Amino acid sequence: MRSLNVRLGARSYPIHIGPGLLTQAELILPHLRTPRVAIVSNETVAPLYLDKLAAPLRAAGVQVTEIILPDGEAHKNWETLNRIFDQLLAERCDRSTTLIALGGGVIGDLTGFAAASYQRGVPFIQVPTTLLAQVDSSVGGKTGINHPRGKNMIGAFWQPQLVLADTDTLQTLPARELSAGLAEVIKYGLIRDLPFLAWLEAQMDALLACDGSALAQAIERSCQNKAEVVAADELETAKEGGRALLNLGHTFGHAIETGLGYGQWLHGEAVAAGMVMAAELSHRLGWLDAAAVARLSQLLQRAALPVRGAALGAERYLELMGHDKKVIAGKLRLVLLRQLGEAVTYGEAPREEIIAAIEACCD
């Protein structure tokens, strides 16, 4: 087992990474206020892993409530969130009940937002079962739901007590979901860790083959990068850089997800295409050379990720991007690349260059 910490003072918490962690109740018990939990999962993950997590907890004397939700990004909304509240209230769960998110990013975001809101805040634990959730969404305390006008527009910062990343769960992950997670892994190399980017280029075949050692190393390095960024700018308030840099490709990518309808593209797929758009714009601004853009595109293609965006039209992209959370006083701030391994937030890109970059990267 590999372990590291997200250092946030009184809100600090550990991340444990390794095989067979679901059944190790002793990792969870110290983080419970009382021996009562509500495990939130979905119809895909629950049949595979819910009993593995719940049975050892019950054997340790913990009262377990099970909440099973429909699967998919299309269900990351108020209606599904209320299903969590309905069952918590029906089961008379109190403020000392710990919610446990067992699933991918959608389950983690929904459960975290429910925990932040239920009785004005209850503790929760992240048990991510997808690569994307293990390297990104489970760490850092961003929770929320989607709105028809924009992704993740309603939510709260609410840090977990613990992140438990069992790498065995990745063995049942569909190839498309694995690739989607690799997009977020590649992102860390692009924004702040050039040696990691080179390592990913060397290890991509092993990662795609679900090699346990390679995956554990990639997850640990990704989580370490995110933990450092979150510790320095937890609430994403830095005027320049800071936590916003973790959103490389996300402004373009969220436009794809919203424009096509949630769930048509996986989040990581949209981010991959968005990172190519960001790199293309960085090239047009004179920061990245063509070889660097090609290097990024080739790595994404090796990871079985799209490098062309959805054909929404540049004006539709700009309309949707106008709802991005990095918009300040009506000004769109994008995360771009000064060079590979160095990201910046930038609000001065000319509109015509943004349009040109979108059009160059879309079919």
Protein backbone atom coordinates (compact mmCIF):
# COMPACT_ATOMS: atom_id res chain seq x y z
CA MET A 1 0.00 0.00 0.00
CA ARG A 2 1.21 3.49 -0.92
CA SER A 3 0.07 6.39 1.24
CA LEU A 4 0.29 10.17 1.08
CA ASN A 5 -1.47 13.10 2.70
CA VAL A 6 -3.42 16.11 1.52
CA ARG A 7 -2.12 18.77 3.90
CA LEU A 8 -4.92 21.17 4.81
CA GLY A 9 -4.32 21.79 8.49
CA ALA A 10 -7.26 20.51 10.54
CA ARG A 11 -8.88 19.19 7.34
CA SER A 12 -5.88 17.09 6.28
CA TYR A 13 -6.54 13.50 5.24
CA PRO A 14 -4.71 10.45 3.93
CA ILE A 15 -4.87 8.81 0.52
CA HIS A 16 -4.19 5.07 0.47
CA ILE A 17 -3.45 3.37 -2.86
CA GLY A 18 -3.06 -0.34 -3.50
CA PRO A 19 -4.75 -3.69 -4.13
CA GLY A 20 -7.27 -5.30 -1.80
CA LEU A 21 -8.08 -2.16 0.18
CA LEU A 22 -11.88 -2.51 -0.05
CA THR A 23 -11.89 -5.35 2.45
CA GLN A 24 -9.60 -3.62 4.97
CA ALA A 25 -12.15 -2.11 7.34
CA GLU A 26 -9.35 -1.16 9.71
CA LEU A 27 -8.39 1.63 7.30
CA ILE A 28 -11.88 3.13 7.54
CA LEU A 29 -12.85 2.62 11.19
CA PRO A 30 -10.54 5.31 12.68
CA HIS A 31 -12.24 7.91 10.47
CA LEU A 32 -15.82 7.23 11.65
CA ARG A 33 -17.41 9.43 14.32
CA THR A 34 -19.81 6.63 15.26
CA PRO A 35 -20.22 3.08 13.93
CA ARG A 36 -22.75 4.10 11.29
CA VAL A 37 -22.22 4.67 7.56
CA ALA A 38 -24.30 5.10 4.41
CA ILE A 39 -22.58 3.70 1.32
CA VAL A 40 -23.65 5.43 -1.90
CA SER A 41 -22.98 3.51 -5.11
CA ASN A 42 -24.57 2.88 -8.50
CA GLU A 43 -26.21 0.03 -10.36
CA THR A 44 -22.97 -0.88 -12.17
CA VAL A 45 -20.48 -0.76 -9.29
CA ALA A 46 -22.66 -2.06 -6.46
CA PRO A 47 -23.00 -5.66 -7.73
CA LEU A 48 -19.21 -5.84 -8.10
CA TYR A 49 -17.91 -4.20 -4.96
CA LEU A 50 -20.57 -3.12 -2.46
CA ASP A 51 -20.53 -6.33 -0.42
CA LYS A 52 -16.72 -6.42 -0.38
CA LEU A 53 -16.78 -3.02 1.30
CA ALA A 54 -19.87 -3.45 3.47
CA ALA A 55 -19.34 -6.97 4.87
CA PRO A 56 -16.08 -6.23 6.75
CA LEU A 57 -17.61 -3.05 8.17
CA ARG A 58 -20.67 -4.94 9.40
CA ALA A 59 -18.39 -7.61 10.88
CA ALA A 60 -16.67 -4.81 12.79
CA GLY A 61 -20.00 -3.69 14.27
CA VAL A 62 -20.78 -0.84 11.89
CA GLN A 63 -24.41 -0.20 10.89
CA VAL A 64 -24.48 0.09 7.08
CA THR A 65 -27.17 1.74 4.95
CA GLU A 66 -26.93 1.06 1.21
CA ILE A 67 -28.04 3.68 -1.35
CA ILE A 68 -27.95 2.57 -4.99
CA LEU A 69 -28.30 5.18 -7.74
CA PRO A 70 -28.58 4.96 -11.52
CA ASP A 71 -25.27 5.04 -13.40
CA GLY A 72 -24.03 7.80 -15.66
CA GLU A 73 -23.27 11.51 -16.01
CA ALA A 74 -26.86 12.15 -17.12
CA HIS A 75 -27.97 11.40 -13.52
CA LYS A 76 -25.67 13.93 -11.86
CA ASN A 77 -28.55 16.25 -11.02
CA TRP A 78 -30.97 17.47 -8.33
CA GLU A 79 -33.31 14.52 -8.75
CA THR A 80 -30.59 11.97 -8.00
CA LEU A 81 -29.19 14.07 -5.17
CA ASN A 82 -32.61 14.10 -3.56
CA ARG A 83 -32.73 10.31 -3.73
CA ILE A 84 -29.74 10.30 -1.39
CA PHE A 85 -31.45 12.73 1.01
CA ASP A 86 -34.70 10.75 0.87
CA GLN A 87 -33.02 7.55 1.99
CA LEU A 88 -30.86 9.21 4.62
CA LEU A 89 -34.00 10.69 6.15
CA ALA A 90 -35.99 7.47 5.81
CA GLU A 91 -33.21 5.58 7.63
CA ARG A 92 -32.97 8.34 10.29
CA CYS A 93 -29.29 8.94 9.61
CA ASP A 94 -27.99 11.63 11.95
CA ARG A 95 -25.12 14.13 11.80
CA SER A 96 -22.59 11.54 12.93
CA THR A 97 -23.34 9.20 10.01
CA THR A 98 -20.43 9.00 7.55
CA LEU A 99 -21.30 8.84 3.87
CA ILE A 100 -19.03 6.63 1.76
CA ALA A 101 -18.85 7.19 -2.00
CA LEU A 102 -18.22 3.89 -3.80
CA GLY A 103 -17.92 4.50 -7.52
CA GLY A 104 -16.57 6.88 -10.11
CA GLY A 105 -16.53 10.65 -10.30
CA VAL A 106 -20.30 11.05 -10.58
CA ILE A 107 -20.91 9.08 -7.37
CA GLY A 108 -18.07 10.90 -5.61
CA ASP A 109 -19.38 14.34 -6.58
CA LEU A 110 -22.98 13.50 -5.68
CA THR A 111 -22.07 11.91 -2.35
CA GLY A 112 -19.72 14.72 -1.43
CA PHE A 113 -22.35 17.36 -2.19
CA ALA A 114 -24.93 15.38 -0.20
CA ALA A 115 -22.47 15.20 2.72
CA ALA A 116 -21.82 18.95 2.53
CA SER A 117 -25.55 19.66 2.58
CA TYR A 118 -27.24 17.01 4.74
CA GLN A 119 -28.00 18.47 8.17
CA ARG A 120 -25.54 21.23 7.21
CA GLY A 121 -22.60 18.88 6.86
CA VAL A 122 -21.70 15.29 7.67
CA PRO A 123 -18.38 13.47 7.16
CA PHE A 124 -17.70 11.44 4.04
CA ILE A 125 -15.09 9.06 2.63
CA GLN A 126 -14.12 8.58 -1.00
CA VAL A 127 -13.67 5.02 -2.30
CA PRO A 128 -13.13 5.67 -6.04
CA THR A 129 -13.43 2.73 -8.42
CA THR A 130 -12.39 4.36 -11.73
CA LEU A 131 -8.96 5.63 -12.73
CA LEU A 132 -10.29 9.12 -13.33
CA ALA A 133 -11.81 9.28 -9.86
CA GLN A 134 -8.70 7.80 -8.22
CA VAL A 135 -6.36 10.37 -9.76
CA ASP A 136 -8.57 13.44 -9.79
CA SER A 137 -12.16 13.84 -8.63
CA SER A 138 -11.82 11.99 -5.31
CA VAL A 139 -9.02 14.31 -4.16
CA GLY A 140 -9.43 17.96 -3.27
CA GLY A 141 -12.98 18.33 -1.99
CA LYS A 142 -14.80 19.60 -5.08
CA THR A 143 -18.34 18.25 -5.05
CA GLY A 144 -21.45 19.08 -7.02
CA ILE A 145 -23.99 18.43 -9.72
CA ASN A 146 -24.53 19.55 -13.30
CA HIS A 147 -26.98 22.12 -14.61
CA PRO A 148 -28.38 22.08 -18.15
CA ARG A 149 -26.43 25.29 -18.81
CA GLY A 150 -23.11 24.11 -17.41
CA LYS A 151 -21.19 21.25 -15.85
CA ASN A 152 -20.50 21.24 -12.10
CA MET A 153 -22.09 24.66 -11.69
CA ILE A 154 -23.81 23.84 -8.37
CA GLY A 155 -21.84 22.39 -5.49
CA ALA A 156 -19.55 22.95 -2.53
CA PHE A 157 -15.99 22.47 -1.36
CA TRP A 158 -16.20 19.63 1.17
CA GLN A 159 -13.08 17.63 1.98
CA PRO A 160 -13.30 13.87 2.61
CA GLN A 161 -11.95 12.21 5.73
CA LEU A 162 -10.10 9.60 3.69
CA VAL A 163 -9.50 8.49 0.10
CA LEU A 164 -9.19 4.73 -0.41
CA ALA A 165 -8.07 3.85 -3.96
CA ASP A 166 -8.23 0.08 -4.44
CA THR A 167 -6.36 -0.64 -7.67
CA ASP A 168 -8.06 -4.04 -7.99
CA THR A 169 -11.24 -2.23 -9.06
CA LEU A 170 -9.49 -1.10 -12.23
CA GLN A 171 -9.35 -4.68 -13.48
CA THR A 172 -13.10 -4.56 -14.23
CA LEU A 173 -12.94 -1.08 -15.76
CA PRO A 174 -13.98 -0.93 -19.44
CA ALA A 175 -11.15 0.10 -21.78
CA ARG A 176 -12.92 3.34 -22.66
CA GLU A 177 -13.16 4.32 -18.98
CA LEU A 178 -9.49 3.48 -18.42
CA SER A 179 -8.49 5.75 -21.29
CA ALA A 180 -10.71 8.52 -19.94
CA GLY A 181 -8.82 8.33 -16.65
CA LEU A 182 -5.48 8.51 -18.46
CA ALA A 183 -6.46 11.92 -19.80
CA GLU A 184 -6.37 13.34 -16.26
CA VAL A 185 -3.10 11.51 -15.56
CA ILE A 186 -1.48 13.04 -18.66
CA LYS A 187 -2.77 16.45 -17.55
CA TYR A 188 -0.49 16.46 -14.49
CA GLY A 189 2.57 15.96 -16.67
CA LEU A 190 1.51 18.77 -18.96
CA ILE A 191 0.79 21.36 -16.28
CA ARG A 192 3.64 20.87 -13.80
CA ASP A 193 5.58 17.59 -14.04
CA LEU A 194 7.54 17.14 -17.27
CA PRO A 195 9.50 14.09 -15.97
CA PHE A 196 6.14 12.41 -15.29
CA LEU A 197 5.07 13.16 -18.87
CA ALA A 198 8.18 11.38 -20.14
CA TRP A 199 7.49 8.46 -17.80
CA LEU A 200 3.96 8.18 -19.17
CA GLU A 201 5.30 8.06 -22.71
CA ALA A 202 7.53 5.16 -21.69
CA GLN A 203 4.85 3.34 -19.69
CA MET A 204 1.72 3.89 -21.78
CA ASP A 205 1.58 0.31 -23.06
CA ALA A 206 1.82 -1.05 -19.51
CA LEU A 207 -0.88 1.33 -18.30
CA LEU A 208 -3.26 0.32 -21.08
CA ALA A 209 -2.60 -3.33 -20.20
CA CYS A 210 -3.69 -2.58 -16.60
CA ASP A 211 -0.27 -3.43 -15.18
CA GLY A 212 -0.78 -3.10 -11.42
CA SER A 213 2.63 -1.64 -10.63
CA ALA A 214 2.48 0.96 -13.40
CA LEU A 215 -1.04 1.99 -12.45
CA ALA A 216 -0.15 2.34 -8.77
CA GLN A 217 2.82 4.55 -9.65
CA ALA A 218 0.71 6.70 -11.98
CA ILE A 219 -2.04 7.10 -9.37
CA GLU A 220 0.41 8.00 -6.61
CA ARG A 221 2.28 10.56 -8.74
CA SER A 222 -1.00 12.10 -9.94
CA CYS A 223 -2.41 12.32 -6.41
CA GLN A 224 0.83 13.82 -5.12
CA ASN A 225 0.67 16.52 -7.79
CA LYS A 226 -2.96 17.29 -7.03
CA ALA A 227 -2.42 17.25 -3.27
CA GLU A 228 0.35 19.82 -3.56
CA VAL A 229 -1.78 22.13 -5.72
CA VAL A 230 -4.84 21.81 -3.47
CA ALA A 231 -2.80 22.43 -0.32
CA ALA A 232 -1.54 25.70 -1.80
CA ASP A 233 -4.94 26.93 -3.10
CA GLU A 234 -7.76 24.87 -1.60
CA LEU A 235 -10.68 27.09 -2.67
CA GLU A 236 -9.24 28.11 -6.05
CA THR A 237 -8.92 31.76 -5.09
CA ALA A 238 -5.40 32.48 -6.38
CA LYS A 239 -5.47 35.35 -8.88
CA GLU A 240 -2.92 33.64 -11.08
CA GLY A 241 -2.22 29.94 -11.49
CA GLY A 242 -3.08 28.00 -8.35
CA ARG A 243 -5.73 25.32 -8.36
CA ALA A 244 -7.24 26.62 -11.60
CA LEU A 245 -4.27 25.08 -13.44
CA LEU A 246 -5.79 21.65 -12.77
CA ASN A 247 -8.45 22.64 -15.31
CA LEU A 248 -6.23 22.41 -18.39
CA GLY A 249 -8.55 21.44 -21.26
CA HIS A 250 -11.63 21.55 -19.03
CA THR A 251 -13.14 24.81 -20.30
CA PHE A 252 -13.20 23.46 -23.87
CA GLY A 253 -14.06 19.96 -22.63
CA HIS A 254 -17.00 21.04 -20.48
CA ALA A 255 -18.41 22.83 -23.54
CA ILE A 256 -18.35 19.50 -25.39
CA GLU A 257 -20.06 17.65 -22.53
CA THR A 258 -22.75 20.29 -22.10
CA GLY A 259 -23.24 20.93 -25.81
CA LEU A 260 -23.67 17.27 -26.74
CA GLY A 261 -25.63 16.31 -23.63
CA TYR A 262 -24.08 14.84 -20.49
CA GLY A 263 -22.84 11.31 -20.97
CA GLN A 264 -22.36 11.37 -24.75
CA TRP A 265 -18.61 11.85 -24.27
CA LEU A 266 -16.88 10.68 -21.11
CA HIS A 267 -15.35 13.50 -19.08
CA GLY A 268 -11.79 12.36 -19.80
CA GLU A 269 -12.49 12.15 -23.51
CA ALA A 270 -13.76 15.73 -23.58
CA VAL A 271 -10.78 16.90 -21.51
CA ALA A 272 -8.39 15.20 -23.94
CA ALA A 273 -9.84 17.04 -26.92
CA GLY A 274 -9.90 20.21 -24.82
CA MET A 275 -6.21 19.89 -23.97
CA VAL A 276 -5.40 19.72 -27.68
CA MET A 277 -7.41 22.93 -28.23
CA ALA A 278 -5.56 24.59 -25.36
CA ALA A 279 -2.22 23.47 -26.82
CA GLU A 280 -3.22 24.72 -30.28
CA LEU A 281 -4.15 28.11 -28.82
CA SER A 282 -0.87 28.18 -26.89
CA HIS A 283 0.92 27.52 -30.19
CA ARG A 284 -0.95 30.35 -31.90
CA LEU A 285 0.08 32.68 -29.08
CA GLY A 286 3.72 31.79 -29.75
CA TRP A 287 4.34 29.74 -26.62
CA LEU A 288 4.34 26.11 -27.79
CA ASP A 289 6.06 24.97 -30.96
CA ALA A 290 4.38 22.60 -33.39
CA ALA A 291 6.51 19.69 -32.15
CA ALA A 292 5.17 20.10 -28.61
CA VAL A 293 1.55 20.10 -29.85
CA ALA A 294 2.28 16.99 -31.88
CA ARG A 295 3.91 15.30 -28.89
CA LEU A 296 0.80 15.87 -26.79
CA SER A 297 -1.53 14.67 -29.54
CA GLN A 298 0.50 11.52 -30.12
CA LEU A 299 0.45 10.59 -26.43
CA LEU A 300 -3.31 11.11 -26.23
CA GLN A 301 -3.81 8.98 -29.34
CA ARG A 302 -1.67 6.22 -27.83
CA ALA A 303 -3.97 6.37 -24.80
CA ALA A 304 -6.94 5.78 -27.15
CA LEU A 305 -8.29 9.27 -26.54
CA PRO A 306 -9.84 11.72 -29.02
CA VAL A 307 -7.71 14.60 -30.26
CA ARG A 308 -10.49 16.23 -32.30
CA GLY A 309 -13.33 18.11 -30.66
CA ALA A 310 -17.05 17.77 -31.27
CA ALA A 311 -18.42 19.75 -34.22
CA LEU A 312 -20.49 22.22 -32.24
CA GLY A 313 -19.30 25.31 -34.11
CA ALA A 314 -16.92 27.91 -32.64
CA GLU A 315 -19.71 30.31 -31.62
CA ARG A 316 -21.49 27.57 -29.66
CA TYR A 317 -18.21 26.70 -27.92
CA LEU A 318 -17.75 30.32 -26.90
CA GLU A 319 -21.33 30.57 -25.66
CA LEU A 320 -20.92 27.49 -23.48
CA MET A 321 -17.45 28.50 -22.31
CA GLY A 322 -18.95 31.78 -21.11
CA HIS A 323 -20.54 29.82 -18.25
CA ASP A 324 -17.16 28.51 -17.08
CA LYS A 325 -16.35 28.99 -13.38
CA LYS A 326 -13.07 30.71 -14.31
CA VAL A 327 -14.99 33.60 -15.89
CA ILE A 328 -14.40 36.68 -13.72
CA ALA A 329 -16.23 39.98 -14.35
CA GLY A 330 -17.31 38.62 -17.74
CA LYS A 331 -13.74 37.81 -18.77
CA LEU A 332 -12.86 34.26 -19.83
CA ARG A 333 -9.64 32.96 -18.29
CA LEU A 334 -8.17 29.89 -19.95
CA VAL A 335 -5.54 27.46 -18.74
CA LEU A 336 -2.82 27.37 -21.40
CA LEU A 337 0.74 26.06 -21.72
CA ARG A 338 3.81 28.28 -21.75
CA GLN A 339 5.68 25.07 -22.41
CA LEU A 340 5.14 21.39 -21.71
CA GLY A 341 5.27 21.05 -17.93
CA GLU A 342 4.30 24.70 -17.28
CA ALA A 343 0.67 25.85 -17.32
CA VAL A 344 -0.65 29.38 -16.79
CA THR A 345 -4.05 31.04 -16.48
CA TYR A 346 -4.48 33.64 -19.20
CA GLY A 347 -7.32 36.05 -19.88
CA GLU A 348 -5.94 38.01 -22.82
CA ALA A 349 -6.23 35.53 -25.68
CA PRO A 350 -7.84 37.32 -28.64
CA ARG A 351 -11.28 36.06 -29.53
CA GLU A 352 -10.26 35.41 -33.12
CA GLU A 353 -7.35 33.22 -31.98
CA ILE A 354 -9.63 31.20 -29.69
CA ILE A 355 -12.02 30.68 -32.62
CA ALA A 356 -9.15 29.69 -34.90
CA ALA A 357 -7.86 27.16 -32.37
CA ILE A 358 -11.32 25.61 -31.95
CA GLU A 359 -11.86 25.38 -35.70
CA ALA A 360 -8.41 23.85 -36.24
CA CYS A 361 -9.17 21.10 -33.70
CA CYS A 362 -12.75 20.18 -34.59
CA ASP A 363 -14.15 18.10 -37.40
